[in-house]
Amino acid sequence: MLSLFPLYVSTFILSAGNGLLITLITVRASREGFSPTLIGLIGTSYFLGFLCGTLVATQLIRMVGQIRVFAALAAIAAAGTLVLLLQIEPVTWICVRFVMGFCFAGLFTAIESWMNGAASNEARGRVLSIYSLVDLLAATGSQLLLPVLGADGFVSLVVVAMLLSLSLVPIAITPATAPPEGRSVSLRFWQVWRISPLAFVGCFAVGLTNSAFRTVGPLYANDIGLGISGMAFFMSCGIAGGAILQMPLGWLSDRTDRRTTMLIATGCASIAGIVLTLLPTGGNPYVAYVGVLVFGAFAMPLYSLSAAHANDFAKPGEYALVSAGLLFTYAVGATAGPTLGSLAVDRFGPPALFTYIAIVHGSLVALALIRMAARPSVPKAERGKYKPELRTSPTTAGMRADAEA
């Protein structure tokens, strides 16, 4: 485990830079006069690049190894951040964010494949848990840098470029040797549909709403008058909320029909979206903070709940395929989410973001009810145990399967 410490440090720095940049781009683009639709397209281009990166990252690592892939992609991502500063123009930003999405998919794949090769089967569960915690802390805490650095000028983007560059240092100087790339996992997402339509749509829905929240959420926070500090705290609450009910909802799903737990979670996420839609400009900011915390607490665990539900119906040997397929399904939803959310904002105003989110989760409620009527639940004795799932690269699917072997 000690040999993986440099990887955790690199993950923290990388996730902090990425988490700050996602929010910063929305705020800065808005101040530069970009329309909500353009901001949504910038977000979509990032997730489209990420989707493409997941398809080829493993092949790149097989060709030149984790360290070289990480070094090259970190350098490109840092340079891309500086291009955003040098050329403040929508088409350039869309193209740069596509490239950066591709880079981050490869960066996370390089880290996770290294962890997968270095950890024993018995340790993989702990490795994944620590990795998930590091990623969450970095993504949440980085939001609070925004009020300190400011969104205008060059300082914040330069700091992001520095973070992305510095993420290379722990990996570059570690005395450990990167292990060879392990087995790849197929991304046959239509097979996941046959195993569980509800899990397939659940991960797609989380992609639609999570990416829209991360990309367009700052516009909503600004519209209700939170200011730069309040906006940063608002986004932190939404991201951190995803950790609060992960295990309680998982515990409940292990003891009841998982679809009932999914129904509760997506229903509460939809209600939180309605509350945030109706919050007036200049209203009590604490209502907004609590509302987005509740939204994150119920919406974010839906990915893991969907994965657990699909695994209940999967056959032995299909678990890694299910995890990888659901990640791909999530990524497809995440690619469409920012554009759909921004179109709603452009047409009806920033509160429409959470109207869109409420509609998506409300639709998932309807599908869950239909599936509960159409298919009996898996007996409790035959169900697997709930485990939080990561949404960073298909490599985690192989890690999870190896840990359970």
Protein backbone atom coordinates (compact mmCIF):
# COMPACT_ATOMS: atom_id res chain seq x y z
CA MET A 1 0.00 0.00 0.00
CA LEU A 2 2.87 2.40 0.77
CA SER A 3 4.16 2.02 -2.79
CA LEU A 4 0.86 3.47 -4.03
CA PHE A 5 1.21 6.68 -2.00
CA PRO A 6 2.69 8.66 -4.94
CA LEU A 7 -0.30 7.63 -7.06
CA TYR A 8 -2.71 8.90 -4.42
CA VAL A 9 -0.84 12.21 -4.25
CA SER A 10 -0.96 12.54 -8.05
CA THR A 11 -4.66 11.68 -8.00
CA PHE A 12 -5.37 14.35 -5.40
CA ILE A 13 -3.51 17.07 -7.33
CA LEU A 14 -5.01 15.99 -10.67
CA SER A 15 -8.59 15.81 -9.34
CA ALA A 16 -8.21 19.16 -7.58
CA GLY A 17 -7.10 20.82 -10.79
CA ASN A 18 -9.84 19.19 -12.84
CA GLY A 19 -12.56 19.89 -10.26
CA LEU A 20 -11.61 23.56 -10.03
CA LEU A 21 -11.39 23.92 -13.80
CA ILE A 22 -14.87 22.53 -14.50
CA THR A 23 -16.48 25.17 -12.30
CA LEU A 24 -14.07 27.92 -13.29
CA ILE A 25 -14.74 27.48 -17.01
CA THR A 26 -18.48 27.99 -16.52
CA VAL A 27 -18.00 31.09 -14.39
CA ARG A 28 -15.34 32.59 -16.65
CA ALA A 29 -17.27 31.82 -19.84
CA SER A 30 -20.36 33.51 -18.42
CA ARG A 31 -18.38 36.61 -17.52
CA GLU A 32 -16.87 36.66 -21.02
CA GLY A 33 -20.38 36.80 -22.48
CA PHE A 34 -20.74 33.21 -23.68
CA SER A 35 -24.39 32.11 -23.89
CA PRO A 36 -25.63 29.21 -21.73
CA THR A 37 -25.88 27.07 -24.87
CA LEU A 38 -22.22 27.70 -25.71
CA ILE A 39 -21.26 26.89 -22.11
CA GLY A 40 -23.20 23.65 -22.42
CA LEU A 41 -21.42 22.78 -25.66
CA ILE A 42 -18.07 23.38 -23.95
CA GLY A 43 -19.12 20.92 -21.23
CA THR A 44 -20.36 18.43 -23.81
CA SER A 45 -17.07 18.60 -25.70
CA TYR A 46 -15.18 17.70 -22.52
CA PHE A 47 -17.32 14.62 -21.84
CA LEU A 48 -17.20 13.62 -25.52
CA GLY A 49 -13.41 13.75 -25.34
CA PHE A 50 -13.52 11.73 -22.12
CA LEU A 51 -15.72 9.15 -23.83
CA CYS A 52 -13.27 8.83 -26.74
CA GLY A 53 -10.35 8.64 -24.31
CA THR A 54 -11.83 5.64 -22.50
CA LEU A 55 -11.87 3.75 -25.80
CA VAL A 56 -8.18 4.14 -26.64
CA ALA A 57 -6.36 4.81 -23.34
CA THR A 58 -5.63 1.15 -22.69
CA GLN A 59 -4.07 0.74 -26.12
CA LEU A 60 -1.83 3.78 -25.52
CA ILE A 61 -0.67 2.33 -22.20
CA ARG A 62 0.10 -1.01 -23.82
CA MET A 63 2.27 0.80 -26.38
CA VAL A 64 4.40 3.03 -24.11
CA GLY A 65 3.48 2.35 -20.48
CA GLN A 66 1.70 4.26 -17.72
CA ILE A 67 4.42 6.80 -16.88
CA ARG A 68 4.91 8.00 -20.45
CA VAL A 69 1.16 8.19 -21.10
CA PHE A 70 0.61 10.11 -17.86
CA ALA A 71 3.49 12.51 -18.59
CA ALA A 72 2.34 13.25 -22.13
CA LEU A 73 -1.32 13.73 -21.28
CA ALA A 74 -0.64 15.83 -18.17
CA ALA A 75 1.56 18.13 -20.25
CA ILE A 76 -1.10 18.44 -22.95
CA ALA A 77 -3.82 19.16 -20.36
CA ALA A 78 -1.68 21.84 -18.68
CA ALA A 79 -0.93 23.44 -22.05
CA GLY A 80 -4.62 23.31 -22.94
CA THR A 81 -5.46 25.23 -19.77
CA LEU A 82 -3.09 28.01 -20.83
CA VAL A 83 -4.63 28.07 -24.31
CA LEU A 84 -7.98 28.80 -22.64
CA LEU A 85 -6.32 31.88 -21.17
CA LEU A 86 -4.56 32.99 -24.35
CA GLN A 87 -7.51 32.55 -26.70
CA ILE A 88 -10.85 33.42 -25.08
CA GLU A 89 -13.12 32.35 -27.91
CA PRO A 90 -15.94 29.74 -27.94
CA VAL A 91 -14.75 27.49 -30.78
CA THR A 92 -11.24 27.35 -29.35
CA TRP A 93 -12.59 26.51 -25.89
CA ILE A 94 -14.81 23.76 -27.30
CA CYS A 95 -11.87 22.17 -29.13
CA VAL A 96 -9.52 22.50 -26.15
CA ARG A 97 -12.03 20.98 -23.75
CA PHE A 98 -12.47 17.98 -26.06
CA VAL A 99 -8.71 17.41 -26.00
CA MET A 100 -8.62 17.85 -22.22
CA GLY A 101 -11.47 15.36 -21.75
CA PHE A 102 -9.49 12.85 -23.79
CA CYS A 103 -6.43 13.57 -21.65
CA PHE A 104 -8.23 13.09 -18.33
CA ALA A 105 -9.66 9.76 -19.44
CA GLY A 106 -6.14 8.60 -20.23
CA LEU A 107 -4.70 10.06 -17.01
CA PHE A 108 -7.19 8.28 -14.78
CA THR A 109 -6.79 5.06 -16.76
CA ALA A 110 -3.01 5.22 -16.33
CA ILE A 111 -3.31 5.67 -12.56
CA GLU A 112 -5.93 2.97 -12.14
CA SER A 113 -4.16 0.43 -14.32
CA TRP A 114 -0.99 1.01 -12.27
CA MET A 115 -2.97 0.46 -9.06
CA ASN A 116 -4.58 -2.63 -10.51
CA GLY A 117 -1.23 -4.16 -11.41
CA ALA A 118 0.46 -3.25 -8.14
CA ALA A 119 -2.28 -4.32 -5.69
CA SER A 120 -2.96 -7.89 -4.63
CA ASN A 121 -6.47 -9.31 -4.97
CA GLU A 122 -6.96 -9.03 -1.21
CA ALA A 123 -5.93 -5.34 -1.18
CA ARG A 124 -7.86 -4.13 -4.23
CA GLY A 125 -10.99 -3.31 -2.25
CA ARG A 126 -9.00 -1.04 0.11
CA VAL A 127 -7.10 0.49 -2.80
CA LEU A 128 -10.35 1.43 -4.53
CA SER A 129 -11.86 2.84 -1.33
CA ILE A 130 -8.85 5.08 -0.63
CA TYR A 131 -8.71 6.15 -4.27
CA SER A 132 -12.40 7.09 -4.22
CA LEU A 133 -11.97 9.08 -1.00
CA VAL A 134 -8.94 10.96 -2.36
CA ASP A 135 -10.84 11.86 -5.53
CA LEU A 136 -13.89 13.06 -3.56
CA LEU A 137 -11.87 15.20 -1.15
CA ALA A 138 -9.96 16.82 -4.00
CA ALA A 139 -13.03 17.53 -6.13
CA THR A 140 -14.93 18.98 -3.15
CA GLY A 141 -12.13 21.01 -1.64
CA SER A 142 -10.97 22.47 -4.94
CA GLN A 143 -14.25 24.36 -5.30
CA LEU A 144 -13.30 26.46 -2.30
CA LEU A 145 -10.18 27.71 -4.10
CA LEU A 146 -12.33 29.69 -6.51
CA PRO A 147 -13.22 32.55 -4.09
CA VAL A 148 -9.55 32.79 -3.08
CA LEU A 149 -8.16 32.88 -6.63
CA GLY A 150 -11.05 34.67 -8.32
CA ALA A 151 -12.55 33.88 -11.70
CA ASP A 152 -11.24 36.92 -13.57
CA GLY A 153 -7.73 37.56 -14.81
CA PHE A 154 -5.10 34.91 -15.32
CA VAL A 155 -4.33 33.67 -11.78
CA SER A 156 -6.91 30.90 -11.47
CA LEU A 157 -6.19 29.33 -14.87
CA VAL A 158 -2.45 29.50 -14.24
CA VAL A 159 -2.94 27.75 -10.87
CA VAL A 160 -4.93 25.00 -12.61
CA ALA A 161 -2.13 24.58 -15.18
CA MET A 162 0.36 24.38 -12.30
CA LEU A 163 -1.69 21.70 -10.54
CA LEU A 164 -1.97 19.60 -13.69
CA SER A 165 1.78 19.89 -14.24
CA LEU A 166 2.60 19.11 -10.60
CA SER A 167 0.43 15.97 -10.69
CA LEU A 168 3.20 14.45 -12.80
CA VAL A 169 5.91 14.93 -10.16
CA PRO A 170 4.99 12.16 -7.65
CA ILE A 171 4.66 9.60 -10.45
CA ALA A 172 7.83 10.74 -12.21
CA ILE A 173 10.05 10.43 -9.13
CA THR A 174 8.56 7.32 -7.53
CA PRO A 175 11.16 4.52 -7.25
CA ALA A 176 8.48 1.92 -8.00
CA THR A 177 8.27 0.49 -11.49
CA ALA A 178 4.95 0.64 -13.27
CA PRO A 179 3.51 -2.86 -13.79
CA PRO A 180 2.45 -4.06 -17.25
CA GLU A 181 -1.09 -3.17 -18.32
CA GLY A 182 -3.54 -5.84 -17.22
CA ARG A 183 -6.49 -7.28 -19.03
CA SER A 184 -8.82 -4.92 -20.86
CA VAL A 185 -12.57 -4.95 -20.37
CA SER A 186 -15.02 -4.83 -23.26
CA LEU A 187 -17.48 -1.94 -23.49
CA ARG A 188 -20.49 -3.85 -24.82
CA PHE A 189 -23.16 -1.64 -23.36
CA TRP A 190 -26.05 -3.19 -25.28
CA GLN A 191 -25.36 -6.43 -23.45
CA VAL A 192 -25.86 -4.46 -20.23
CA TRP A 193 -29.27 -3.38 -21.56
CA ARG A 194 -30.26 -7.02 -21.96
CA ILE A 195 -29.10 -7.80 -18.43
CA SER A 196 -30.92 -4.87 -16.81
CA PRO A 197 -32.77 -2.10 -18.67
CA LEU A 198 -33.30 -0.20 -15.40
CA ALA A 199 -29.59 -0.18 -14.53
CA PHE A 200 -28.76 0.89 -18.08
CA VAL A 201 -31.20 3.84 -17.99
CA GLY A 202 -30.28 4.65 -14.37
CA CYS A 203 -26.60 5.20 -15.24
CA PHE A 204 -27.58 7.12 -18.37
CA ALA A 205 -29.84 9.37 -16.27
CA VAL A 206 -27.09 10.00 -13.70
CA GLY A 207 -24.81 11.00 -16.58
CA LEU A 208 -27.45 13.39 -17.92
CA THR A 209 -27.96 15.13 -14.60
CA ASN A 210 -24.52 14.97 -12.98
CA SER A 211 -22.73 16.49 -15.96
CA ALA A 212 -25.39 19.19 -16.35
CA PHE A 213 -25.08 20.08 -12.66
CA ARG A 214 -21.28 20.27 -12.77
CA THR A 215 -21.27 22.35 -15.97
CA VAL A 216 -24.32 24.61 -15.63
CA GLY A 217 -24.78 24.63 -11.84
CA PRO A 218 -22.61 27.73 -11.32
CA LEU A 219 -24.98 29.71 -13.60
CA TYR A 220 -27.89 28.77 -11.35
CA ALA A 221 -25.95 29.71 -8.21
CA ASN A 222 -25.07 33.07 -9.70
CA ASP A 223 -28.68 33.70 -10.76
CA ILE A 224 -30.06 33.27 -7.23
CA GLY A 225 -27.50 35.75 -5.94
CA LEU A 226 -25.01 33.55 -4.08
CA GLY A 227 -21.88 35.40 -5.27
CA ILE A 228 -18.53 33.77 -5.98
CA SER A 229 -18.02 32.40 -2.45
CA GLY A 230 -21.57 31.12 -2.20
CA MET A 231 -21.31 29.60 -5.66
CA ALA A 232 -18.18 27.68 -4.69
CA PHE A 233 -19.82 26.42 -1.49
CA PHE A 234 -22.97 25.50 -3.43
CA MET A 235 -20.98 23.33 -5.83
CA SER A 236 -19.00 21.79 -2.95
CA CYS A 237 -22.24 20.84 -1.20
CA GLY A 238 -23.56 19.10 -4.31
CA ILE A 239 -20.36 17.13 -4.84
CA ALA A 240 -19.85 16.24 -1.17
CA GLY A 241 -23.51 15.27 -0.83
CA GLY A 242 -22.81 12.26 -3.02
CA ALA A 243 -20.79 10.68 -0.21
CA ILE A 244 -23.30 11.14 2.60
CA LEU A 245 -25.83 8.47 1.66
CA GLN A 246 -23.64 6.12 -0.40
CA MET A 247 -23.35 3.50 2.31
CA PRO A 248 -26.77 3.98 4.02
CA LEU A 249 -28.56 3.59 0.69
CA GLY A 250 -26.33 0.65 -0.18
CA TRP A 251 -27.13 -0.98 3.18
CA LEU A 252 -30.85 -0.49 2.51
CA SER A 253 -30.59 -1.89 -1.03
CA ASP A 254 -28.88 -5.04 0.28
CA ARG A 255 -31.90 -5.72 2.51
CA THR A 256 -34.79 -4.78 0.22
CA ASP A 257 -35.61 -4.84 -3.46
CA ARG A 258 -32.87 -2.63 -4.90
CA ARG A 259 -35.42 -1.06 -7.20
CA THR A 260 -37.27 0.25 -4.16
CA THR A 261 -34.09 1.96 -2.98
CA MET A 262 -33.50 3.35 -6.46
CA LEU A 263 -37.08 4.58 -6.50
CA ILE A 264 -36.60 6.40 -3.19
CA ALA A 265 -33.28 7.90 -4.26
CA THR A 266 -34.36 9.16 -7.67
CA GLY A 267 -37.69 10.39 -6.26
CA CYS A 268 -35.95 12.43 -3.57
CA ALA A 269 -33.47 13.79 -6.14
CA SER A 270 -36.42 14.89 -8.26
CA ILE A 271 -38.08 16.60 -5.28
CA ALA A 272 -34.82 18.39 -4.43
CA GLY A 273 -34.69 19.58 -8.06
CA ILE A 274 -38.22 20.99 -7.78
CA VAL A 275 -37.33 22.82 -4.54
CA LEU A 276 -34.26 24.36 -6.15
CA THR A 277 -36.31 25.34 -9.22
CA LEU A 278 -38.78 27.25 -7.06
CA LEU A 279 -36.15 29.02 -4.92
CA PRO A 280 -36.44 32.75 -5.72
CA THR A 281 -33.56 35.06 -6.54
CA GLY A 282 -32.24 36.52 -3.30
CA GLY A 283 -33.91 33.78 -1.26
CA ASN A 284 -32.38 32.15 1.79
CA PRO A 285 -29.01 30.78 0.62
CA TYR A 286 -29.11 28.03 3.22
CA VAL A 287 -32.15 26.57 1.49
CA ALA A 288 -30.07 26.36 -1.68
CA TYR A 289 -27.15 24.73 0.16
CA VAL A 290 -29.38 22.17 1.86
CA GLY A 291 -31.32 21.56 -1.35
CA VAL A 292 -28.24 20.82 -3.43
CA LEU A 293 -26.77 18.73 -0.61
CA VAL A 294 -29.94 16.61 -0.61
CA PHE A 295 -29.87 16.42 -4.40
CA GLY A 296 -26.27 15.17 -4.39
CA ALA A 297 -26.91 12.77 -1.51
CA PHE A 298 -29.70 10.98 -3.40
CA ALA A 299 -28.65 11.45 -7.04
CA MET A 300 -24.97 10.49 -6.93
CA PRO A 301 -25.41 7.01 -5.33
CA LEU A 302 -27.79 6.03 -8.14
CA TYR A 303 -24.84 4.98 -10.30
CA SER A 304 -23.63 2.48 -7.69
CA LEU A 305 -27.20 1.33 -6.98
CA SER A 306 -27.73 0.72 -10.70
CA ALA A 307 -24.48 -1.24 -10.94
CA ALA A 308 -25.42 -3.39 -7.95
CA HIS A 309 -28.87 -4.04 -9.45
CA ALA A 310 -27.35 -5.10 -12.79
CA ASN A 311 -24.85 -7.38 -11.06
CA ASP A 312 -27.75 -9.13 -9.29
CA PHE A 313 -28.90 -10.35 -12.72
CA ALA A 314 -25.45 -10.84 -14.25
CA LYS A 315 -23.93 -14.29 -14.59
CA PRO A 316 -20.51 -15.19 -13.19
CA GLY A 317 -17.85 -13.72 -15.45
CA GLU A 318 -20.06 -10.83 -16.56
CA TYR A 319 -19.41 -8.47 -13.63
CA ALA A 320 -16.49 -6.62 -15.20
CA LEU A 321 -18.37 -6.34 -18.48
CA VAL A 322 -21.38 -4.87 -16.64
CA SER A 323 -19.26 -2.31 -14.79
CA ALA A 324 -17.45 -1.22 -17.95
CA GLY A 325 -20.67 -1.09 -19.97
CA LEU A 326 -22.42 1.02 -17.34
CA LEU A 327 -19.46 3.42 -17.30
CA PHE A 328 -19.78 3.81 -21.06
CA THR A 329 -23.54 4.36 -20.71
CA TYR A 330 -22.91 6.99 -18.05
CA ALA A 331 -20.36 8.71 -20.31
CA VAL A 332 -22.85 8.86 -23.20
CA GLY A 333 -25.39 10.50 -20.89
CA ALA A 334 -22.73 12.86 -19.54
CA THR A 335 -21.91 13.92 -23.10
CA ALA A 336 -25.51 14.98 -23.76
CA GLY A 337 -26.26 16.40 -20.30
CA PRO A 338 -24.50 19.80 -20.45
CA THR A 339 -26.06 20.69 -23.81
CA LEU A 340 -29.57 19.67 -22.74
CA GLY A 341 -29.25 21.50 -19.42
CA SER A 342 -27.89 24.63 -21.05
CA LEU A 343 -30.64 24.65 -23.69
CA ALA A 344 -33.19 24.63 -20.87
CA VAL A 345 -31.37 27.51 -19.18
CA ASP A 346 -31.11 29.46 -22.44
CA ARG A 347 -34.84 29.10 -23.08
CA PHE A 348 -36.32 29.42 -19.60
CA GLY A 349 -33.59 30.85 -17.35
CA PRO A 350 -31.11 29.29 -14.85
CA PRO A 351 -33.78 27.72 -12.55
CA ALA A 352 -34.76 25.52 -15.52
CA LEU A 353 -31.55 23.55 -14.92
CA PHE A 354 -33.12 21.88 -11.91
CA THR A 355 -36.46 21.58 -13.72
CA TYR A 356 -34.59 19.53 -16.32
CA ILE A 357 -32.91 17.51 -13.56
CA ALA A 358 -36.25 16.92 -11.81
CA ILE A 359 -37.83 15.72 -15.07
CA VAL A 360 -34.99 13.26 -15.75
CA HIS A 361 -35.20 11.77 -12.25
CA GLY A 362 -38.99 11.78 -12.35
CA SER A 363 -38.84 9.77 -15.57
CA LEU A 364 -36.55 7.28 -13.85
CA VAL A 365 -39.17 6.93 -11.10
CA ALA A 366 -41.73 5.94 -13.74
CA LEU A 367 -39.36 3.40 -15.32
CA ALA A 368 -38.53 1.88 -11.94
CA LEU A 369 -42.24 1.34 -11.25
CA ILE A 370 -42.72 -0.26 -14.67
CA ARG A 371 -39.74 -2.59 -14.20
CA MET A 372 -40.90 -3.58 -10.71
CA ALA A 373 -44.22 -4.64 -12.22
CA ALA A 374 -42.61 -6.45 -15.16
CA ARG A 375 -39.83 -8.40 -13.44
CA PRO A 376 -39.60 -10.08 -10.04
CA SER A 377 -36.76 -9.09 -7.73
CA VAL A 378 -33.75 -11.30 -7.14
CA PRO A 379 -34.06 -13.22 -3.85
CA LYS A 380 -31.99 -11.67 -1.08
CA ALA A 381 -29.84 -14.80 -0.72
CA GLU A 382 -28.83 -14.60 -4.40
CA ARG A 383 -27.95 -10.91 -4.48
CA GLY A 384 -24.43 -9.56 -4.33
CA LYS A 385 -23.25 -6.94 -1.84
CA TYR A 386 -23.51 -3.25 -2.68
CA LYS A 387 -20.20 -1.49 -3.40
CA PRO A 388 -19.63 2.16 -4.33
CA GLU A 389 -18.57 2.42 -7.98
CA LEU A 390 -16.12 4.87 -9.55
CA ARG A 391 -16.82 6.63 -12.84
CA THR A 392 -13.30 7.36 -14.03
CA SER A 393 -12.18 4.59 -16.38
CA PRO A 394 -13.04 1.00 -17.41
CA THR A 395 -9.96 -0.19 -15.51
CA THR A 396 -11.87 0.06 -12.24
CA ALA A 397 -14.25 -2.57 -13.59
CA GLY A 398 -11.36 -5.02 -13.90
CA MET A 399 -10.10 -4.05 -10.45
CA ARG A 400 -13.49 -4.69 -8.90
CA ALA A 401 -13.83 -8.05 -10.61
CA ASP A 402 -10.32 -9.09 -9.58
CA ALA A 403 -10.99 -8.02 -5.99
CA GLU A 404 -14.08 -10.22 -5.91
CA ALA A 405 -12.42 -13.21 -7.59
